[in-house]
Amino acid sequence: MTGHPVQVWWARLGDARPGLRALLDPVERGRYESTVDPAGRGRFLVGCALGRLVLGDLLGLPPEDVPLRRVCPRCGGPHGKVHLALPPEHPPGTRPGTRPDTRQGPHPSPLPVYDFSVTHSGALVGVAVCRDGEVGLDVEECLDDGDGQVDDDGGFDVDSAARVALSDAELAALYARPATERRRAFLRTWTRKEAVLKALGVGLGAPLRELEVSEPERPPAVLAWPDRLAGRSHMSMADLLVDGVHPAAVAVAVPVAGATAGERRAAGRGEVRGEARGEVRGEVRGDGALRVAVHDGSEMLTAYDP
């Protein structure tokens, strides 16, 4: 089994620079300009620019011409998971701006159909891309202050977050650990859950306590689903570690009608360890569920010259 291929790029808040604004479309530019917090504005710019550069390179399009759509499924606002948005006259598999050529069939210039996911936490920004599946990526900056508090831009502590996010079994397992181990164990569990929900496109509106994943030391897998999500997809997962410190996870959902719980669990096992700034290049493998390639997104952003 070769595993589902996924590519992940990591960049930093410090990669933000004025020249990257040339890549933003009007909707992105409006959101960028309306973001008051400088760090939030920088993370948004880096995520948008990196996503466009990655997709443009994969699709053979200028990055500013990559058609993206941001529409929240709940409120219709310009946020939520971003999707490629080929215009109606060019269904998936055709290049924007081309005309049908009857000599070559209805779609003469096929474009691969990619899904992608953007994540950011503190100074970290990541983009994951895959084909033939829906991908979700999450990272959590982990600054160890030794007192059990998660010292990041979200300002939450482990105890408060765990009561909201973990099932009864996960909570019991967390508090069976020494206090010094709880933060990292929680963040590993949290990133797995976030990646799964991003892959499914449902976000944190799903009942987190009903979504149960395997213990942090075990290969990542979904053990229990909320009723409204059960049976929707085969889910494959992999763990990553950015800079040897910050936990991250990537998940790929492939819709399968009538999948059983056993089939879903069997599809979701794998682990990958990777660094963020190019220390890991090319292809690295889990145990068959996902095949993850880690790239230096900072390098890609630096190379961009508008």
Protein backbone atom coordinates (compact mmCIF):
# COMPACT_ATOMS: atom_id res chain seq x y z
CA MET A 1 0.00 0.00 0.00
CA THR A 2 1.61 3.28 -1.11
CA GLY A 3 -0.48 5.66 1.02
CA HIS A 4 -2.38 8.79 0.07
CA PRO A 5 0.10 11.53 -0.98
CA VAL A 6 -0.08 14.86 0.85
CA GLN A 7 2.25 17.85 0.56
CA VAL A 8 2.78 20.26 3.47
CA TRP A 9 4.58 23.62 3.44
CA TRP A 10 5.61 25.51 6.61
CA ALA A 11 6.30 29.24 6.83
CA ARG A 12 6.54 31.90 9.53
CA LEU A 13 4.84 35.12 10.51
CA GLY A 14 8.19 36.83 9.88
CA ASP A 15 7.86 35.95 6.18
CA ALA A 16 5.14 38.59 5.77
CA ARG A 17 6.22 41.55 3.62
CA PRO A 18 4.42 44.23 1.57
CA GLY A 19 5.29 42.63 -1.78
CA LEU A 20 3.09 39.61 -1.01
CA ARG A 21 -0.03 41.80 -1.05
CA ALA A 22 0.13 41.74 -4.86
CA LEU A 23 -1.05 38.12 -4.67
CA LEU A 24 -4.32 38.90 -2.85
CA ASP A 25 -7.66 39.05 -4.64
CA PRO A 26 -10.19 41.80 -3.72
CA VAL A 27 -11.91 39.70 -1.05
CA GLU A 28 -8.60 38.73 0.54
CA ARG A 29 -7.34 42.30 0.35
CA GLY A 30 -10.46 43.56 2.08
CA ARG A 31 -10.10 41.07 4.89
CA TYR A 32 -6.39 41.82 5.20
CA GLU A 33 -7.00 45.56 5.47
CA SER A 34 -9.85 45.14 7.96
CA THR A 35 -7.79 42.98 10.34
CA VAL A 36 -6.69 45.27 13.16
CA ASP A 37 -4.23 42.97 14.93
CA PRO A 38 -0.84 43.23 13.15
CA ALA A 39 0.06 39.60 13.89
CA GLY A 40 -3.31 38.36 12.65
CA ARG A 41 -2.93 40.45 9.51
CA GLY A 42 0.54 39.02 8.91
CA ARG A 43 -0.57 35.42 9.40
CA PHE A 44 -3.47 35.94 6.99
CA LEU A 45 -1.13 37.44 4.38
CA VAL A 46 1.40 34.62 4.69
CA GLY A 47 -1.32 31.93 4.51
CA CYS A 48 -2.97 33.47 1.44
CA ALA A 49 0.31 34.10 -0.37
CA LEU A 50 1.74 30.66 0.38
CA GLY A 51 -1.48 28.91 -0.67
CA ARG A 52 -1.56 30.79 -3.96
CA LEU A 53 2.12 30.16 -4.70
CA VAL A 54 1.79 26.44 -3.95
CA LEU A 55 -1.38 25.97 -5.99
CA GLY A 56 -0.10 28.12 -8.84
CA ASP A 57 3.01 25.99 -9.05
CA LEU A 58 1.02 22.74 -8.99
CA LEU A 59 -1.55 23.95 -11.53
CA GLY A 60 0.79 25.82 -13.83
CA LEU A 61 -1.04 29.11 -13.24
CA PRO A 62 0.18 32.55 -12.12
CA PRO A 63 -0.43 32.56 -8.36
CA GLU A 64 -2.59 35.68 -8.50
CA ASP A 65 -4.85 33.92 -11.06
CA VAL A 66 -5.57 30.85 -8.93
CA PRO A 67 -9.37 30.96 -8.48
CA LEU A 68 -10.20 30.66 -4.78
CA ARG A 69 -13.52 30.92 -2.98
CA ARG A 70 -14.12 31.66 0.70
CA VAL A 71 -17.72 31.24 1.78
CA CYS A 72 -18.76 30.15 5.27
CA PRO A 73 -21.40 27.39 4.96
CA ARG A 74 -23.22 28.76 8.03
CA CYS A 75 -23.25 32.54 7.58
CA GLY A 76 -22.12 33.07 3.99
CA GLY A 77 -19.24 35.31 5.10
CA PRO A 78 -15.82 35.40 3.37
CA HIS A 79 -14.13 33.01 5.78
CA GLY A 80 -13.95 29.31 6.51
CA LYS A 81 -12.17 26.66 4.48
CA VAL A 82 -10.90 27.91 1.13
CA HIS A 83 -11.66 25.98 -2.06
CA LEU A 84 -10.53 26.11 -5.63
CA ALA A 85 -13.34 27.78 -7.58
CA LEU A 86 -13.20 27.09 -11.29
CA PRO A 87 -15.87 29.13 -13.10
CA PRO A 88 -19.06 27.32 -14.22
CA GLU A 89 -18.02 27.35 -17.87
CA HIS A 90 -14.86 25.47 -16.88
CA PRO A 91 -15.82 22.48 -14.75
CA PRO A 92 -13.19 20.65 -12.68
CA GLY A 93 -10.47 19.33 -14.96
CA THR A 94 -10.31 22.31 -17.38
CA ARG A 95 -8.06 25.33 -17.42
CA PRO A 96 -9.63 28.77 -16.92
CA GLY A 97 -9.41 30.85 -20.10
CA THR A 98 -9.36 27.87 -22.50
CA ARG A 99 -11.98 27.06 -25.11
CA PRO A 100 -13.25 23.53 -25.70
CA ASP A 101 -11.49 21.79 -28.57
CA THR A 102 -13.77 19.22 -30.15
CA ARG A 103 -10.79 17.48 -31.70
CA GLN A 104 -9.53 16.57 -28.22
CA GLY A 105 -12.83 16.08 -26.47
CA PRO A 106 -14.79 18.53 -24.31
CA HIS A 107 -11.97 19.31 -21.85
CA PRO A 108 -8.71 19.65 -23.81
CA SER A 109 -6.50 21.00 -20.99
CA PRO A 110 -7.19 19.09 -17.80
CA LEU A 111 -6.32 20.67 -14.47
CA PRO A 112 -5.80 18.35 -11.52
CA VAL A 113 -8.41 18.89 -8.81
CA TYR A 114 -6.66 19.71 -5.56
CA ASP A 115 -7.97 20.33 -2.07
CA PHE A 116 -5.95 22.35 0.40
CA SER A 117 -5.97 23.52 3.98
CA VAL A 118 -4.34 26.49 5.72
CA THR A 119 -3.44 26.65 9.41
CA HIS A 120 -1.68 29.13 11.66
CA SER A 121 -0.78 29.41 15.32
CA GLY A 122 1.47 32.03 16.85
CA ALA A 123 4.37 32.49 14.44
CA LEU A 124 3.62 29.29 12.46
CA VAL A 125 1.75 29.12 9.16
CA GLY A 126 1.15 25.93 7.17
CA VAL A 127 -0.49 24.83 3.93
CA ALA A 128 -1.38 21.23 3.01
CA VAL A 129 -2.45 20.06 -0.46
CA CYS A 130 -3.69 16.73 -1.75
CA ARG A 131 -5.55 15.23 -4.72
CA ASP A 132 -8.53 12.90 -4.67
CA GLY A 133 -9.52 13.74 -1.12
CA GLU A 134 -10.39 16.53 1.31
CA VAL A 135 -7.44 17.63 3.45
CA GLY A 136 -7.24 19.27 6.86
CA LEU A 137 -4.10 20.62 8.54
CA ASP A 138 -3.66 21.96 12.06
CA VAL A 139 -0.67 23.16 14.08
CA GLU A 140 -0.40 24.51 17.61
CA GLU A 141 2.54 26.62 18.69
CA CYS A 142 3.85 25.11 21.92
CA LEU A 143 5.83 27.47 24.14
CA ASP A 144 6.78 25.60 27.29
CA ASP A 145 6.55 27.81 30.36
CA GLY A 146 6.40 24.87 32.75
CA ASP A 147 3.17 25.79 34.57
CA GLY A 148 0.60 23.88 32.50
CA GLN A 149 -0.63 26.97 30.66
CA VAL A 150 -0.64 27.10 26.86
CA ASP A 151 1.24 30.31 26.22
CA ASP A 152 0.17 31.09 22.68
CA ASP A 153 -1.91 33.65 20.80
CA GLY A 154 -5.12 31.89 21.87
CA GLY A 155 -4.37 32.40 25.57
CA PHE A 156 -6.10 29.20 26.75
CA ASP A 157 -5.08 26.80 29.47
CA VAL A 158 -5.13 23.04 29.21
CA ASP A 159 -7.78 22.42 31.86
CA SER A 160 -10.34 24.77 30.32
CA ALA A 161 -9.73 23.58 26.78
CA ALA A 162 -9.77 19.91 27.75
CA ARG A 163 -13.21 20.16 29.36
CA VAL A 164 -14.62 21.47 26.08
CA ALA A 165 -12.69 19.35 23.59
CA LEU A 166 -12.13 15.90 25.10
CA SER A 167 -14.43 12.95 25.59
CA ASP A 168 -14.82 11.43 29.06
CA ALA A 169 -12.33 8.70 28.16
CA GLU A 170 -9.84 11.22 26.77
CA LEU A 171 -10.19 13.41 29.87
CA ALA A 172 -9.56 10.44 32.17
CA ALA A 173 -6.47 9.47 30.17
CA LEU A 174 -5.19 13.06 30.20
CA TYR A 175 -5.50 13.44 33.98
CA ALA A 176 -3.89 10.05 34.54
CA ARG A 177 -0.69 11.62 33.22
CA PRO A 178 1.78 13.64 35.27
CA ALA A 179 0.91 17.35 35.13
CA THR A 180 4.10 18.11 33.20
CA GLU A 181 2.99 15.85 30.32
CA ARG A 182 -0.57 17.09 29.95
CA ARG A 183 -0.02 20.07 27.69
CA ARG A 184 1.77 18.16 24.96
CA ALA A 185 -0.65 15.26 25.21
CA PHE A 186 -3.60 17.62 24.91
CA LEU A 187 -2.12 19.50 21.96
CA ARG A 188 -1.45 16.25 20.12
CA THR A 189 -5.08 15.22 20.60
CA TRP A 190 -6.35 18.70 19.72
CA THR A 191 -4.41 18.94 16.45
CA ARG A 192 -5.71 15.54 15.37
CA LYS A 193 -9.31 16.57 16.01
CA GLU A 194 -8.88 19.93 14.29
CA ALA A 195 -7.32 18.28 11.24
CA VAL A 196 -10.19 15.80 10.97
CA LEU A 197 -12.86 18.49 11.25
CA LYS A 198 -11.07 20.71 8.72
CA ALA A 199 -10.87 17.81 6.28
CA LEU A 200 -14.62 17.32 6.62
CA GLY A 201 -15.21 21.06 6.26
CA VAL A 202 -17.31 21.31 9.44
CA GLY A 203 -14.96 23.25 11.71
CA LEU A 204 -15.36 23.59 15.46
CA GLY A 205 -19.14 23.67 15.22
CA ALA A 206 -19.06 19.88 15.49
CA PRO A 207 -19.41 18.31 18.97
CA LEU A 208 -15.76 17.89 19.88
CA ARG A 209 -16.43 15.70 22.92
CA GLU A 210 -18.16 13.14 20.69
CA LEU A 211 -15.18 12.91 18.35
CA GLU A 212 -12.65 10.59 19.98
CA VAL A 213 -9.15 9.90 18.70
CA SER A 214 -6.42 7.48 19.71
CA GLU A 215 -4.02 8.21 22.57
CA PRO A 216 -1.10 10.52 21.67
CA GLU A 217 1.51 7.75 21.75
CA ARG A 218 -0.50 5.54 19.39
CA PRO A 219 -0.84 5.96 15.61
CA PRO A 220 -3.53 8.57 14.91
CA ALA A 221 -7.02 7.24 14.27
CA VAL A 222 -10.63 8.22 14.88
CA LEU A 223 -12.14 5.87 17.48
CA ALA A 224 -15.61 7.39 17.79
CA TRP A 225 -17.59 9.80 15.61
CA PRO A 226 -20.40 12.25 16.38
CA ASP A 227 -23.62 10.79 15.00
CA ARG A 228 -23.97 13.42 12.29
CA LEU A 229 -20.47 12.71 10.94
CA ALA A 230 -20.43 8.91 11.18
CA GLY A 231 -20.14 6.97 7.94
CA ARG A 232 -19.26 9.96 5.76
CA SER A 233 -15.64 9.23 4.88
CA HIS A 234 -12.59 7.06 5.18
CA MET A 235 -10.22 9.15 7.29
CA SER A 236 -6.43 8.83 7.11
CA MET A 237 -4.22 10.78 9.50
CA ALA A 238 -0.59 11.55 10.25
CA ASP A 239 1.19 13.40 13.06
CA LEU A 240 3.89 15.97 12.38
CA LEU A 241 6.25 17.87 14.65
CA VAL A 242 7.36 21.33 13.47
CA ASP A 243 10.88 22.38 14.47
CA GLY A 244 10.93 19.37 16.78
CA VAL A 245 8.61 21.23 19.19
CA HIS A 246 5.22 22.23 17.79
CA PRO A 247 2.62 19.46 17.30
CA ALA A 248 0.69 19.32 14.04
CA ALA A 249 -1.58 16.85 12.29
CA VAL A 250 -2.86 16.32 8.78
CA ALA A 251 -5.98 14.33 7.82
CA VAL A 252 -7.42 13.27 4.47
CA ALA A 253 -11.08 12.35 4.06
CA VAL A 254 -12.20 10.28 1.10
CA PRO A 255 -16.00 9.96 0.90
CA VAL A 256 -17.13 6.35 0.89
CA ALA A 257 -20.82 5.45 0.89
CA GLY A 258 -21.78 2.95 3.54
CA ALA A 259 -18.37 2.70 5.22
CA THR A 260 -18.46 0.75 8.47
CA ALA A 261 -16.87 1.91 11.71
CA GLY A 262 -14.22 -0.79 11.33
CA GLU A 263 -13.37 0.39 7.82
CA ARG A 264 -13.07 3.99 9.00
CA ARG A 265 -10.73 3.00 11.81
CA ALA A 266 -8.61 0.85 9.49
CA ALA A 267 -8.19 3.76 7.08
CA GLY A 268 -6.84 6.18 9.66
CA ARG A 269 -3.44 5.11 10.88
CA GLY A 270 -0.08 6.69 10.19
CA GLU A 271 2.60 8.88 11.69
CA VAL A 272 5.16 11.19 10.15
CA ARG A 273 7.77 13.28 11.91
CA GLY A 274 9.04 16.32 10.04
CA GLU A 275 10.75 19.66 10.56
CA ALA A 276 9.43 22.92 9.16
CA ARG A 277 12.30 24.67 7.44
CA GLY A 278 13.44 22.13 4.90
CA GLU A 279 15.31 19.76 7.22
CA VAL A 280 12.99 17.10 5.82
CA ARG A 281 12.77 17.15 2.03
CA GLY A 282 10.95 15.01 -0.47
CA GLU A 283 8.86 12.11 0.66
CA VAL A 284 8.43 10.75 4.18
CA ARG A 285 6.07 7.93 5.04
CA GLY A 286 3.76 6.83 7.77
CA ASP A 287 2.70 3.19 7.95
CA GLY A 288 0.74 3.27 4.69
CA ALA A 289 -2.23 5.54 5.42
CA LEU A 290 -0.62 8.82 4.36
CA ARG A 291 2.57 9.67 2.50
CA VAL A 292 3.56 13.19 3.53
CA ALA A 293 6.12 15.42 1.82
CA VAL A 294 7.28 18.39 3.91
CA HIS A 295 8.55 21.57 2.20
CA ASP A 296 10.04 24.93 3.15
CA GLY A 297 7.29 27.49 2.60
CA SER A 298 9.49 30.35 3.80
CA GLU A 299 11.85 29.63 0.93
CA MET A 300 8.98 29.76 -1.55
CA LEU A 301 7.76 33.09 -0.18
CA THR A 302 11.25 34.58 -0.24
CA ALA A 303 11.71 33.56 -3.87
CA TYR A 304 8.51 35.34 -4.97
CA ASP A 305 9.27 38.56 -6.84
CA PRO A 306 6.11 40.48 -7.90
